[in-house]
């Protein structure tokens, strides 16, 4: 199957593209885009991979679903386009970064700048119907993104996996803690941020680990 995705990921995930579930998923996603409004725009479905080639990944942040409001989703978890108001979870992420690193709050929520530094911003489900959270779950995307995480965990060394909330923690449960740094905390959602997300120091912990293993820290 000719999937339009960054070349190194195309090689690493080639086996997934030939499996029956992926053919069914592709058919479903195409029919959804032709029938109704789906986010992100089709050309940005694999944006997380396109900005962050396999060999350049240094850290992985796992989200659940793309944003389902107009103009929000840009194919990177937690990220929104520059002109879009920052959602509450993203505001809380930036608050923790500011507290943890001393950096000022950013003026926009576009996390492309992280992707280009080697942060894979991966939602478990890569598409969603407008206004209908979770509408494309259990259609095959989770199997595909599990495969991407597994390939990274098995083929790369000394990555940082950042797992916020129980969903992300379950998705990353198989990662070998002896080969990688796995950071967990409650989700940055306003419902749980004060239960342990604030004060998790994940951003300085990530950079300390990367530096220890000879990798360039992330400019958060």
N, C-alpha and C. Protein backbone atom coordinates (compact mmCIF):
# COMPACT_ATOMS: atom_id res chain seq x y z
N UNK A 1 0.84 -1.19 0.00
CA UNK A 1 0.00 0.00 0.00
C UNK A 1 0.88 1.25 0.00
N UNK A 2 0.57 2.20 -0.85
CA UNK A 2 1.37 3.41 -0.96
C UNK A 2 0.87 4.47 0.03
N UNK A 3 1.45 4.47 1.22
CA UNK A 3 1.06 5.41 2.27
C UNK A 3 2.00 6.61 2.24
N UNK A 4 1.43 7.80 2.27
CA UNK A 4 2.24 9.02 2.22
C UNK A 4 2.70 9.37 3.63
N UNK A 5 3.89 8.90 3.95
CA UNK A 5 4.47 9.10 5.27
C UNK A 5 5.98 9.23 5.11
N UNK A 6 6.63 9.88 6.02
CA UNK A 6 8.09 10.11 5.96
C UNK A 6 8.82 8.79 5.69
N UNK A 7 9.87 8.85 4.88
CA UNK A 7 10.48 7.65 4.30
C UNK A 7 11.03 6.67 5.33
N UNK A 8 11.68 7.16 6.38
CA UNK A 8 12.24 6.23 7.37
C UNK A 8 11.13 5.48 8.11
N UNK A 9 10.04 6.17 8.41
CA UNK A 9 8.90 5.53 9.03
C UNK A 9 8.22 4.57 8.05
N UNK A 10 8.21 4.94 6.80
CA UNK A 10 7.61 4.05 5.79
C UNK A 10 8.34 2.71 5.77
N UNK A 11 9.66 2.75 5.90
CA UNK A 11 10.43 1.51 5.95
C UNK A 11 10.16 0.73 7.24
N UNK A 12 10.19 1.43 8.36
CA UNK A 12 10.03 0.75 9.64
C UNK A 12 8.64 0.14 9.83
N UNK A 13 7.64 0.80 9.27
CA UNK A 13 6.25 0.36 9.45
C UNK A 13 5.70 -0.39 8.24
N UNK A 14 6.58 -0.76 7.31
CA UNK A 14 6.14 -1.39 6.06
C UNK A 14 5.25 -2.60 6.31
N UNK A 15 5.60 -3.42 7.30
CA UNK A 15 4.81 -4.63 7.57
C UNK A 15 3.38 -4.29 7.99
N UNK A 16 3.22 -3.18 8.73
CA UNK A 16 1.87 -2.78 9.18
C UNK A 16 0.99 -2.41 8.00
N UNK A 17 1.57 -1.74 7.02
CA UNK A 17 0.79 -1.27 5.88
C UNK A 17 0.24 -2.42 5.05
N UNK A 18 0.81 -3.60 5.19
CA UNK A 18 0.36 -4.76 4.41
C UNK A 18 -0.63 -5.64 5.17
N UNK A 19 -0.92 -5.30 6.41
CA UNK A 19 -1.81 -6.15 7.21
C UNK A 19 -3.28 -5.83 6.93
N UNK A 20 -4.14 -6.83 7.06
CA UNK A 20 -5.57 -6.61 6.76
C UNK A 20 -6.20 -5.48 7.57
N UNK A 21 -5.83 -5.34 8.84
CA UNK A 21 -6.45 -4.28 9.64
C UNK A 21 -6.18 -2.91 9.05
N UNK A 22 -4.97 -2.71 8.47
CA UNK A 22 -4.63 -1.39 7.95
C UNK A 22 -5.41 -1.10 6.67
N UNK A 23 -5.65 -2.12 5.87
CA UNK A 23 -6.48 -1.93 4.67
C UNK A 23 -7.90 -1.54 5.07
N UNK A 24 -8.43 -2.19 6.09
CA UNK A 24 -9.78 -1.85 6.58
C UNK A 24 -9.80 -0.44 7.17
N UNK A 25 -8.77 -0.09 7.92
CA UNK A 25 -8.67 1.24 8.49
C UNK A 25 -8.61 2.30 7.40
N UNK A 26 -7.81 2.06 6.38
CA UNK A 26 -7.68 3.01 5.27
C UNK A 26 -9.02 3.24 4.59
N UNK A 27 -9.74 2.15 4.35
CA UNK A 27 -11.05 2.25 3.70
C UNK A 27 -12.02 3.05 4.57
N UNK A 28 -12.01 2.78 5.86
CA UNK A 28 -12.88 3.51 6.78
C UNK A 28 -12.54 5.00 6.80
N UNK A 29 -11.26 5.34 6.92
CA UNK A 29 -10.85 6.74 7.02
C UNK A 29 -11.20 7.49 5.73
N UNK A 30 -10.94 6.86 4.58
CA UNK A 30 -11.28 7.52 3.31
C UNK A 30 -12.78 7.79 3.20
N UNK A 31 -13.58 6.82 3.62
CA UNK A 31 -15.04 7.01 3.54
C UNK A 31 -15.49 8.12 4.48
N UNK A 32 -14.86 8.22 5.64
CA UNK A 32 -15.20 9.27 6.59
C UNK A 32 -14.86 10.66 6.05
N UNK A 33 -13.68 10.81 5.48
CA UNK A 33 -13.29 12.11 4.91
C UNK A 33 -14.21 12.52 3.77
N UNK A 34 -14.70 11.56 3.02
CA UNK A 34 -15.57 11.89 1.88
C UNK A 34 -17.01 12.18 2.33
N UNK A 35 -17.36 11.75 3.54
CA UNK A 35 -18.75 11.87 3.98
C UNK A 35 -19.01 13.01 4.94
N UNK A 36 -17.99 13.42 5.70
CA UNK A 36 -18.23 14.39 6.77
C UNK A 36 -16.93 15.14 7.07
N UNK A 37 -16.95 16.02 8.07
CA UNK A 37 -15.76 16.77 8.45
C UNK A 37 -14.94 15.96 9.43
N UNK A 38 -13.69 15.71 9.06
CA UNK A 38 -12.76 14.93 9.87
C UNK A 38 -11.53 15.78 10.17
N UNK A 39 -11.00 15.63 11.37
CA UNK A 39 -9.77 16.32 11.75
C UNK A 39 -8.69 15.30 12.08
N UNK A 40 -7.42 15.64 11.83
CA UNK A 40 -6.92 16.85 11.18
C UNK A 40 -7.17 16.80 9.68
N UNK A 41 -6.81 17.84 8.93
CA UNK A 41 -6.85 17.74 7.47
C UNK A 41 -6.09 16.50 7.02
N UNK A 42 -6.58 15.85 5.97
CA UNK A 42 -6.03 14.55 5.55
C UNK A 42 -4.52 14.58 5.35
N UNK A 43 -4.00 15.68 4.84
CA UNK A 43 -2.56 15.75 4.57
C UNK A 43 -1.73 15.77 5.85
N UNK A 44 -2.39 15.98 7.02
CA UNK A 44 -1.67 16.07 8.30
C UNK A 44 -1.86 14.83 9.18
N UNK A 45 -2.50 13.80 8.66
CA UNK A 45 -2.74 12.60 9.47
C UNK A 45 -1.44 12.07 10.07
N UNK A 46 -0.39 12.01 9.24
CA UNK A 46 0.89 11.45 9.69
C UNK A 46 1.91 12.54 10.03
N UNK A 47 1.43 13.72 10.42
CA UNK A 47 2.29 14.86 10.68
C UNK A 47 3.34 14.57 11.76
N UNK A 48 2.94 13.83 12.79
CA UNK A 48 3.89 13.51 13.87
C UNK A 48 5.10 12.77 13.33
N UNK A 49 4.87 11.85 12.42
CA UNK A 49 5.96 11.08 11.82
C UNK A 49 6.74 11.92 10.81
N UNK A 50 6.03 12.73 10.04
CA UNK A 50 6.68 13.49 8.97
C UNK A 50 7.68 14.50 9.51
N UNK A 51 7.42 15.06 10.69
CA UNK A 51 8.33 16.05 11.27
C UNK A 51 9.45 15.41 12.08
N UNK A 52 9.34 14.12 12.34
CA UNK A 52 10.25 13.50 13.31
C UNK A 52 10.68 12.12 12.80
N UNK A 53 11.66 12.06 11.89
CA UNK A 53 12.10 10.79 11.32
C UNK A 53 12.51 9.79 12.41
N UNK A 54 12.41 8.51 12.08
CA UNK A 54 12.64 7.42 13.03
C UNK A 54 13.96 7.57 13.78
N UNK A 55 15.04 7.83 13.06
CA UNK A 55 16.36 7.89 13.69
C UNK A 55 16.60 9.19 14.46
N UNK A 56 15.69 10.16 14.31
CA UNK A 56 15.85 11.45 14.99
C UNK A 56 15.05 11.53 16.29
N UNK A 57 14.21 10.53 16.55
CA UNK A 57 13.37 10.56 17.75
C UNK A 57 14.24 10.50 19.00
N UNK A 58 13.98 11.42 19.93
CA UNK A 58 14.66 11.42 21.22
C UNK A 58 13.68 11.21 22.37
N UNK A 59 12.46 11.69 22.18
CA UNK A 59 11.42 11.57 23.21
C UNK A 59 10.08 11.33 22.54
N UNK A 60 9.18 10.68 23.25
CA UNK A 60 7.84 10.38 22.74
C UNK A 60 6.82 10.84 23.77
N UNK A 61 5.86 11.64 23.34
CA UNK A 61 4.72 12.00 24.18
C UNK A 61 3.48 11.37 23.54
N UNK A 62 2.71 10.66 24.35
CA UNK A 62 1.56 9.93 23.82
C UNK A 62 0.26 10.62 24.25
N UNK A 63 -0.55 10.98 23.27
CA UNK A 63 -1.89 11.50 23.51
C UNK A 63 -2.93 10.47 23.11
N UNK A 64 -4.19 10.86 23.16
CA UNK A 64 -5.26 9.89 22.90
C UNK A 64 -5.95 10.15 21.56
N UNK A 65 -6.55 11.32 21.40
CA UNK A 65 -7.36 11.65 20.22
C UNK A 65 -6.94 13.01 19.68
N UNK A 66 -7.08 13.26 18.38
CA UNK A 66 -6.90 14.64 17.91
C UNK A 66 -7.99 15.54 18.49
N UNK A 67 -7.70 16.82 18.59
CA UNK A 67 -8.74 17.79 18.94
C UNK A 67 -9.84 17.73 17.88
N UNK A 68 -11.08 17.95 18.32
CA UNK A 68 -12.20 17.81 17.37
C UNK A 68 -12.93 19.12 17.10
N UNK A 69 -12.30 20.25 17.48
CA UNK A 69 -12.89 21.55 17.18
C UNK A 69 -12.30 22.15 15.91
N UNK A 70 -12.99 23.12 15.29
CA UNK A 70 -12.54 23.71 14.02
C UNK A 70 -11.13 24.29 14.12
N UNK A 71 -10.25 23.87 13.21
CA UNK A 71 -8.92 24.45 13.09
C UNK A 71 -7.93 24.05 14.16
N UNK A 72 -8.33 23.21 15.11
CA UNK A 72 -7.43 22.88 16.22
C UNK A 72 -6.37 21.85 15.85
N UNK A 73 -6.79 20.69 15.37
CA UNK A 73 -5.88 19.55 15.20
C UNK A 73 -4.89 19.80 14.06
N UNK A 74 -3.60 19.55 14.35
CA UNK A 74 -2.59 19.66 13.30
C UNK A 74 -1.72 18.41 13.20
N UNK A 75 -2.24 17.30 13.73
CA UNK A 75 -1.54 16.03 13.59
C UNK A 75 -0.49 15.76 14.66
N UNK A 76 -0.33 16.66 15.62
CA UNK A 76 0.61 16.49 16.72
C UNK A 76 -0.17 16.50 18.02
N UNK A 77 0.04 15.54 18.90
CA UNK A 77 -0.75 15.50 20.12
C UNK A 77 -0.50 16.73 20.98
N UNK A 78 -1.56 17.22 21.58
CA UNK A 78 -1.60 18.41 22.46
C UNK A 78 -1.38 19.73 21.72
N UNK A 79 -0.97 19.70 20.46
CA UNK A 79 -0.61 20.89 19.71
C UNK A 79 -1.82 21.48 18.97
N UNK A 80 -1.85 22.80 18.86
CA UNK A 80 -2.84 23.47 18.01
C UNK A 80 -2.13 24.47 17.10
N UNK A 81 -2.79 24.86 16.04
CA UNK A 81 -2.23 25.85 15.14
C UNK A 81 -2.06 27.20 15.83
N UNK A 82 -1.15 28.00 15.31
CA UNK A 82 -0.74 29.23 16.00
C UNK A 82 -1.88 30.19 16.31
N UNK A 83 -2.85 30.28 15.41
CA UNK A 83 -3.92 31.26 15.58
C UNK A 83 -5.04 30.76 16.49
N UNK A 84 -4.95 29.52 16.96
CA UNK A 84 -6.01 28.89 17.75
C UNK A 84 -5.75 29.07 19.24
N UNK A 85 -6.80 29.36 19.98
CA UNK A 85 -6.69 29.47 21.44
C UNK A 85 -6.17 28.16 22.03
N UNK A 86 -5.24 28.26 22.97
CA UNK A 86 -4.65 27.07 23.57
C UNK A 86 -5.66 26.36 24.47
N UNK A 87 -5.86 25.05 24.27
CA UNK A 87 -6.75 24.29 25.15
C UNK A 87 -6.19 24.19 26.57
N UNK A 88 -7.05 23.92 27.55
CA UNK A 88 -6.61 23.92 28.95
C UNK A 88 -5.45 22.97 29.24
N UNK A 89 -5.46 21.78 28.67
CA UNK A 89 -4.36 20.83 28.94
C UNK A 89 -3.02 21.39 28.46
N UNK A 90 -3.04 22.04 27.30
CA UNK A 90 -1.81 22.60 26.76
C UNK A 90 -1.33 23.77 27.62
N UNK A 91 -2.27 24.59 28.09
CA UNK A 91 -1.90 25.68 29.00
C UNK A 91 -1.21 25.11 30.24
N UNK A 92 -1.74 24.00 30.76
CA UNK A 92 -1.13 23.39 31.95
C UNK A 92 0.24 22.81 31.66
N UNK A 93 0.43 22.27 30.46
CA UNK A 93 1.75 21.78 30.05
C UNK A 93 2.75 22.94 30.07
N UNK A 94 2.35 24.05 29.49
CA UNK A 94 3.24 25.21 29.45
C UNK A 94 3.51 25.78 30.85
N UNK A 95 2.50 25.71 31.72
CA UNK A 95 2.70 26.17 33.11
C UNK A 95 3.76 25.32 33.80
N UNK A 96 3.70 24.01 33.58
CA UNK A 96 4.69 23.12 34.19
C UNK A 96 6.08 23.36 33.60
N UNK A 97 6.15 23.57 32.30
CA UNK A 97 7.44 23.88 31.67
C UNK A 97 8.03 25.15 32.28
N UNK A 98 7.19 26.16 32.43
CA UNK A 98 7.66 27.43 32.99
C UNK A 98 8.16 27.25 34.41
N UNK A 99 7.40 26.50 35.21
CA UNK A 99 7.79 26.24 36.59
C UNK A 99 9.05 25.38 36.66
N UNK A 100 9.14 24.40 35.77
CA UNK A 100 10.23 23.42 35.79
C UNK A 100 11.54 23.98 35.25
N UNK A 101 11.45 24.79 34.19
CA UNK A 101 12.65 25.23 33.49
C UNK A 101 12.93 26.72 33.62
N UNK A 102 11.92 27.48 34.06
CA UNK A 102 12.08 28.92 34.14
C UNK A 102 11.80 29.64 32.83
N UNK A 103 11.40 28.89 31.79
CA UNK A 103 11.10 29.53 30.51
C UNK A 103 9.76 30.26 30.59
N UNK A 104 9.61 31.39 29.88
CA UNK A 104 8.31 32.07 29.86
C UNK A 104 7.27 31.27 29.09
N UNK A 105 6.01 31.56 29.37
CA UNK A 105 4.91 30.89 28.65
C UNK A 105 4.98 31.26 27.17
N UNK A 106 4.85 30.28 26.26
CA UNK A 106 4.83 30.58 24.83
C UNK A 106 3.60 31.40 24.44
N UNK A 107 3.68 32.05 23.32
CA UNK A 107 2.57 32.87 22.85
C UNK A 107 1.61 32.09 21.96
N UNK A 108 1.99 30.88 21.56
CA UNK A 108 1.08 30.05 20.75
C UNK A 108 1.29 28.59 21.10
N UNK A 109 0.34 27.75 20.65
CA UNK A 109 0.35 26.34 21.03
C UNK A 109 0.81 25.39 19.95
N UNK A 110 1.51 25.89 18.94
CA UNK A 110 2.01 25.03 17.86
C UNK A 110 3.30 24.35 18.32
N UNK A 111 3.23 23.02 18.50
CA UNK A 111 4.38 22.27 19.02
C UNK A 111 5.26 21.68 17.92
N UNK A 112 5.09 22.18 16.70
CA UNK A 112 5.97 21.74 15.61
C UNK A 112 7.43 21.92 16.00
N UNK A 113 7.71 22.96 16.76
CA UNK A 113 9.10 23.23 17.17
C UNK A 113 9.66 22.08 18.01
N UNK A 114 8.82 21.40 18.76
CA UNK A 114 9.28 20.22 19.51
C UNK A 114 9.55 19.05 18.56
N UNK A 115 8.63 18.84 17.63
CA UNK A 115 8.78 17.73 16.67
C UNK A 115 10.10 17.82 15.93
N UNK A 116 10.44 19.01 15.52
CA UNK A 116 11.66 19.19 14.73
C UNK A 116 12.92 18.95 15.56
N UNK A 117 12.78 18.93 16.88
CA UNK A 117 13.92 18.63 17.76
C UNK A 117 13.97 17.17 18.18
N UNK A 118 13.02 16.36 17.69
CA UNK A 118 13.05 14.94 18.01
C UNK A 118 12.03 14.46 19.00
N UNK A 119 10.96 15.24 19.21
CA UNK A 119 9.88 14.81 20.09
C UNK A 119 8.73 14.29 19.23
N UNK A 120 8.48 12.99 19.30
CA UNK A 120 7.37 12.39 18.56
C UNK A 120 6.09 12.63 19.35
N UNK A 121 5.21 13.44 18.80
CA UNK A 121 3.97 13.84 19.48
C UNK A 121 2.83 13.00 18.91
N UNK A 122 2.65 11.82 19.47
CA UNK A 122 1.84 10.77 18.85
C UNK A 122 0.50 10.55 19.57
N UNK A 123 -0.58 10.83 18.87
CA UNK A 123 -1.89 10.42 19.37
C UNK A 123 -2.09 8.94 19.09
N UNK A 124 -2.81 8.27 19.98
CA UNK A 124 -3.12 6.85 19.78
C UNK A 124 -4.04 6.66 18.58
N UNK A 125 -4.97 7.59 18.40
CA UNK A 125 -5.90 7.59 17.27
C UNK A 125 -5.58 8.83 16.43
N UNK A 126 -5.41 8.66 15.14
CA UNK A 126 -4.88 9.77 14.33
C UNK A 126 -5.93 10.60 13.62
N UNK A 127 -7.20 10.20 13.71
CA UNK A 127 -8.27 10.98 13.09
C UNK A 127 -9.48 11.00 14.01
N UNK A 128 -10.40 11.96 13.77
CA UNK A 128 -11.61 12.08 14.59
C UNK A 128 -12.67 12.85 13.82
N UNK A 129 -13.93 12.53 14.07
CA UNK A 129 -15.02 13.32 13.49
C UNK A 129 -15.14 14.66 14.21
N UNK A 130 -15.49 15.69 13.45
CA UNK A 130 -15.69 17.01 14.04
C UNK A 130 -16.72 16.92 15.17
N UNK A 131 -16.36 17.47 16.33
CA UNK A 131 -17.29 17.55 17.44
C UNK A 131 -17.64 16.23 18.10
N UNK A 132 -16.89 15.18 17.79
CA UNK A 132 -17.27 13.86 18.29
C UNK A 132 -16.03 13.11 18.80
N UNK A 133 -15.61 13.45 20.00
CA UNK A 133 -14.39 12.85 20.58
C UNK A 133 -14.49 11.33 20.61
N UNK A 134 -13.40 10.68 20.27
CA UNK A 134 -13.35 9.22 20.33
C UNK A 134 -14.03 8.50 19.20
N UNK A 135 -14.52 9.23 18.21
CA UNK A 135 -15.34 8.63 17.16
C UNK A 135 -14.57 7.70 16.24
N UNK A 136 -13.24 7.79 16.18
CA UNK A 136 -12.44 6.89 15.34
C UNK A 136 -11.60 5.92 16.17
N UNK A 137 -11.95 5.78 17.43
CA UNK A 137 -11.26 4.78 18.25
C UNK A 137 -11.72 3.37 17.89
N UNK A 138 -10.85 2.40 18.16
CA UNK A 138 -11.14 0.97 17.92
C UNK A 138 -11.45 0.66 16.46
N UNK A 139 -10.82 1.40 15.57
CA UNK A 139 -10.94 1.14 14.13
C UNK A 139 -9.63 0.64 13.53
N UNK A 140 -8.57 0.62 14.35
CA UNK A 140 -7.28 0.14 13.87
C UNK A 140 -6.12 1.07 14.15
N UNK A 141 -6.44 2.33 14.41
CA UNK A 141 -5.34 3.28 14.66
C UNK A 141 -4.49 2.86 15.86
N UNK A 142 -5.15 2.37 16.91
CA UNK A 142 -4.40 2.01 18.13
C UNK A 142 -3.39 0.90 17.84
N UNK A 143 -3.78 -0.05 16.99
CA UNK A 143 -2.86 -1.13 16.60
C UNK A 143 -1.66 -0.56 15.87
N UNK A 144 -1.92 0.39 14.98
CA UNK A 144 -0.86 1.02 14.20
C UNK A 144 0.09 1.82 15.10
N UNK A 145 -0.46 2.62 16.00
CA UNK A 145 0.42 3.45 16.84
C UNK A 145 1.12 2.59 17.90
N UNK A 146 0.50 1.50 18.35
CA UNK A 146 1.21 0.55 19.21
C UNK A 146 2.45 0.01 18.50
N UNK A 147 2.29 -0.30 17.22
CA UNK A 147 3.42 -0.83 16.44
C UNK A 147 4.54 0.18 16.35
N UNK A 148 4.21 1.44 16.15
CA UNK A 148 5.23 2.49 16.07
C UNK A 148 5.99 2.62 17.39
N UNK A 149 5.26 2.59 18.50
CA UNK A 149 5.91 2.68 19.81
C UNK A 149 6.79 1.46 20.06
N UNK A 150 6.29 0.28 19.70
CA UNK A 150 7.05 -0.95 19.92
C UNK A 150 8.35 -0.96 19.10
N UNK A 151 8.26 -0.52 17.86
CA UNK A 151 9.45 -0.49 17.01
C UNK A 151 10.50 0.46 17.58
N UNK A 152 10.06 1.61 18.05
CA UNK A 152 11.00 2.54 18.70
C UNK A 152 11.63 1.92 19.94
N UNK A 153 10.80 1.31 20.77
CA UNK A 153 11.28 0.75 22.02
C UNK A 153 12.27 -0.39 21.80
N UNK A 154 12.06 -1.15 20.70
CA UNK A 154 12.90 -2.32 20.45
C UNK A 154 14.15 -2.00 19.63
N UNK A 155 14.06 -1.03 18.74
CA UNK A 155 15.18 -0.77 17.83
C UNK A 155 16.08 0.38 18.26
N UNK A 156 15.57 1.25 19.12
CA UNK A 156 16.34 2.41 19.55
C UNK A 156 16.77 2.23 21.01
N UNK A 157 17.71 3.03 21.45
CA UNK A 157 18.19 2.99 22.83
C UNK A 157 18.08 4.38 23.45
N UNK A 158 17.85 4.39 24.76
CA UNK A 158 17.91 5.63 25.54
C UNK A 158 16.97 6.72 25.05
N UNK A 159 15.74 6.34 24.78
CA UNK A 159 14.69 7.31 24.48
C UNK A 159 13.95 7.65 25.77
N UNK A 160 13.22 8.76 25.73
CA UNK A 160 12.36 9.14 26.85
C UNK A 160 10.91 8.99 26.41
N UNK A 161 10.15 8.19 27.13
CA UNK A 161 8.72 8.03 26.87
C UNK A 161 7.95 8.75 27.98
N UNK A 162 7.15 9.74 27.60
CA UNK A 162 6.43 10.59 28.54
C UNK A 162 4.96 10.20 28.48
N UNK A 163 4.48 9.61 29.58
CA UNK A 163 3.15 9.01 29.61
C UNK A 163 2.30 9.70 30.66
N UNK A 164 1.40 10.57 30.21
CA UNK A 164 0.54 11.32 31.12
C UNK A 164 -0.85 10.70 31.14
N UNK A 165 -1.30 10.29 32.30
CA UNK A 165 -2.63 9.70 32.43
C UNK A 165 -2.63 8.20 32.20
N UNK A 166 -3.68 7.55 32.67
CA UNK A 166 -3.74 6.09 32.66
C UNK A 166 -3.76 5.52 31.25
N UNK A 167 -4.39 6.22 30.31
CA UNK A 167 -4.47 5.70 28.94
C UNK A 167 -3.07 5.58 28.34
N UNK A 168 -2.29 6.64 28.43
CA UNK A 168 -0.94 6.62 27.87
C UNK A 168 -0.06 5.61 28.60
N UNK A 169 -0.26 5.50 29.91
CA UNK A 169 0.55 4.57 30.69
C UNK A 169 0.27 3.12 30.30
N UNK A 170 -0.98 2.81 30.02
CA UNK A 170 -1.32 1.46 29.55
C UNK A 170 -0.72 1.21 28.17
N UNK A 171 -0.75 2.22 27.33
CA UNK A 171 -0.24 2.06 25.98
C UNK A 171 1.28 1.85 25.97
N UNK A 172 1.96 2.39 26.97
CA UNK A 172 3.41 2.24 27.04
C UNK A 172 3.88 1.22 28.07
N UNK A 173 2.97 0.36 28.52
CA UNK A 173 3.29 -0.56 29.62
C UNK A 173 4.40 -1.54 29.27
N UNK A 174 4.54 -1.86 27.99
CA UNK A 174 5.51 -2.90 27.58
C UNK A 174 6.94 -2.37 27.42
N UNK A 175 7.15 -1.06 27.51
CA UNK A 175 8.46 -0.48 27.23
C UNK A 175 9.47 -0.92 28.29
N UNK A 176 10.64 -1.33 27.84
CA UNK A 176 11.71 -1.81 28.71
C UNK A 176 12.34 -0.63 29.45
N UNK A 177 12.11 -0.58 30.76
CA UNK A 177 12.64 0.52 31.58
C UNK A 177 14.15 0.47 31.74
N UNK A 178 14.76 -0.63 31.39
CA UNK A 178 16.22 -0.72 31.46
C UNK A 178 16.89 -0.10 30.24
N UNK A 179 16.16 0.03 29.14
CA UNK A 179 16.71 0.59 27.91
C UNK A 179 16.30 2.04 27.70
N UNK A 180 15.21 2.44 28.33
CA UNK A 180 14.65 3.77 28.10
C UNK A 180 14.20 4.39 29.42
N UNK A 181 14.08 5.71 29.43
CA UNK A 181 13.49 6.42 30.56
C UNK A 181 11.99 6.54 30.32
N UNK A 182 11.19 6.05 31.24
CA UNK A 182 9.73 6.15 31.14
C UNK A 182 9.24 7.04 32.28
N UNK A 183 8.67 8.18 31.92
CA UNK A 183 8.16 9.15 32.89
C UNK A 183 6.64 9.09 32.92
N UNK A 184 6.06 8.95 34.10
CA UNK A 184 4.61 8.88 34.22
C UNK A 184 4.12 9.89 35.25
N UNK A 185 2.90 10.38 35.00
CA UNK A 185 2.24 11.26 35.96
C UNK A 185 0.77 11.34 35.58
N UNK A 186 -0.07 11.95 36.41
CA UNK A 186 -1.44 12.25 35.96
C UNK A 186 -1.43 13.11 34.70
N UNK A 187 -2.56 13.16 34.05
CA UNK A 187 -2.75 13.91 32.81
C UNK A 187 -2.78 15.42 33.10
N UNK A 188 -2.35 16.26 32.14
CA UNK A 188 -2.40 17.72 32.36
C UNK A 188 -3.79 18.33 32.28
N UNK A 189 -4.81 17.54 32.05
CA UNK A 189 -6.18 18.06 32.07
C UNK A 189 -6.48 18.79 33.36
N UNK A 190 -7.32 19.84 33.31
CA UNK A 190 -7.69 20.54 34.55
C UNK A 190 -8.29 19.60 35.61
N UNK A 191 -8.81 18.46 35.18
CA UNK A 191 -9.41 17.52 36.13
C UNK A 191 -8.35 16.81 36.98
N UNK A 192 -7.12 16.73 36.46
CA UNK A 192 -6.11 15.92 37.16
C UNK A 192 -4.76 16.60 37.33
N UNK A 193 -4.59 17.79 36.76
CA UNK A 193 -3.27 18.43 36.78
C UNK A 193 -2.76 18.66 38.20
N UNK A 194 -3.67 18.98 39.12
CA UNK A 194 -3.24 19.26 40.50
C UNK A 194 -3.05 17.98 41.32
N UNK A 195 -3.30 16.83 40.70
CA UNK A 195 -3.14 15.54 41.40
C UNK A 195 -1.77 14.93 41.13
N UNK A 196 -0.84 15.73 40.56
CA UNK A 196 0.50 15.21 40.36
C UNK A 196 1.14 15.55 39.03
N UNK A 197 0.37 16.16 38.11
CA UNK A 197 1.02 16.61 36.88
C UNK A 197 1.91 17.81 37.19
N UNK A 198 1.34 18.81 37.88
CA UNK A 198 2.16 19.95 38.28
C UNK A 198 3.23 19.48 39.27
N UNK A 199 4.45 19.84 38.96
CA UNK A 199 5.56 19.42 39.81
C UNK A 199 6.19 18.10 39.39
N UNK A 200 5.80 17.56 38.22
CA UNK A 200 6.39 16.27 37.81
C UNK A 200 7.82 16.42 37.26
N UNK A 201 8.18 17.64 36.88
CA UNK A 201 9.55 17.93 36.40
C UNK A 201 9.95 17.09 35.19
N UNK A 202 8.97 16.68 34.39
CA UNK A 202 9.28 15.80 33.26
C UNK A 202 10.18 16.45 32.22
N UNK A 203 10.14 17.75 32.12
CA UNK A 203 10.89 18.43 31.06
C UNK A 203 12.38 18.53 31.39
N UNK A 204 12.69 18.83 32.66
CA UNK A 204 14.11 18.83 33.05
C UNK A 204 14.63 17.39 33.19
N UNK A 205 13.78 16.47 33.65
CA UNK A 205 14.20 15.06 33.74
C UNK A 205 14.54 14.51 32.36
N UNK A 206 13.72 14.88 31.37
CA UNK A 206 13.98 14.45 29.99
C UNK A 206 15.34 14.98 29.53
N UNK A 207 15.56 16.26 29.73
CA UNK A 207 16.81 16.87 29.24
C UNK A 207 18.04 16.35 29.98
N UNK A 208 17.89 16.10 31.27
CA UNK A 208 19.01 15.53 32.02
C UNK A 208 19.39 14.15 31.47
N UNK A 209 18.39 13.36 31.19
CA UNK A 209 18.63 12.00 30.65
C UNK A 209 19.25 12.06 29.27
N UNK A 210 18.71 12.93 28.41
CA UNK A 210 19.26 13.06 27.06
C UNK A 210 20.72 13.50 27.11
N UNK A 211 21.01 14.49 27.94
CA UNK A 211 22.39 14.98 28.06
C UNK A 211 23.33 13.89 28.58
N UNK A 212 22.84 13.11 29.54
CA UNK A 212 23.63 12.02 30.11
C UNK A 212 24.00 10.99 29.04
N UNK A 213 23.13 10.85 28.03
CA UNK A 213 23.37 9.86 26.98
C UNK A 213 23.87 10.50 25.68
N UNK A 214 24.43 11.70 25.81
CA UNK A 214 25.10 12.34 24.69
C UNK A 214 24.19 12.91 23.63
N UNK A 215 22.94 13.22 24.00
CA UNK A 215 21.99 13.77 23.05
C UNK A 215 21.68 15.22 23.39
N UNK A 216 21.38 15.99 22.37
CA UNK A 216 21.05 17.41 22.55
C UNK A 216 19.74 17.54 23.31
N UNK A 217 19.71 18.28 24.41
CA UNK A 217 18.45 18.49 25.13
C UNK A 217 17.41 19.21 24.28
N UNK A 218 16.16 19.12 24.68
CA UNK A 218 15.05 19.76 23.97
C UNK A 218 14.89 21.19 24.48
N UNK A 219 14.76 22.13 23.57
CA UNK A 219 14.40 23.50 23.94
C UNK A 219 12.88 23.55 24.06
N UNK A 220 12.38 23.37 25.26
CA UNK A 220 10.93 23.33 25.48
C UNK A 220 10.32 24.73 25.34
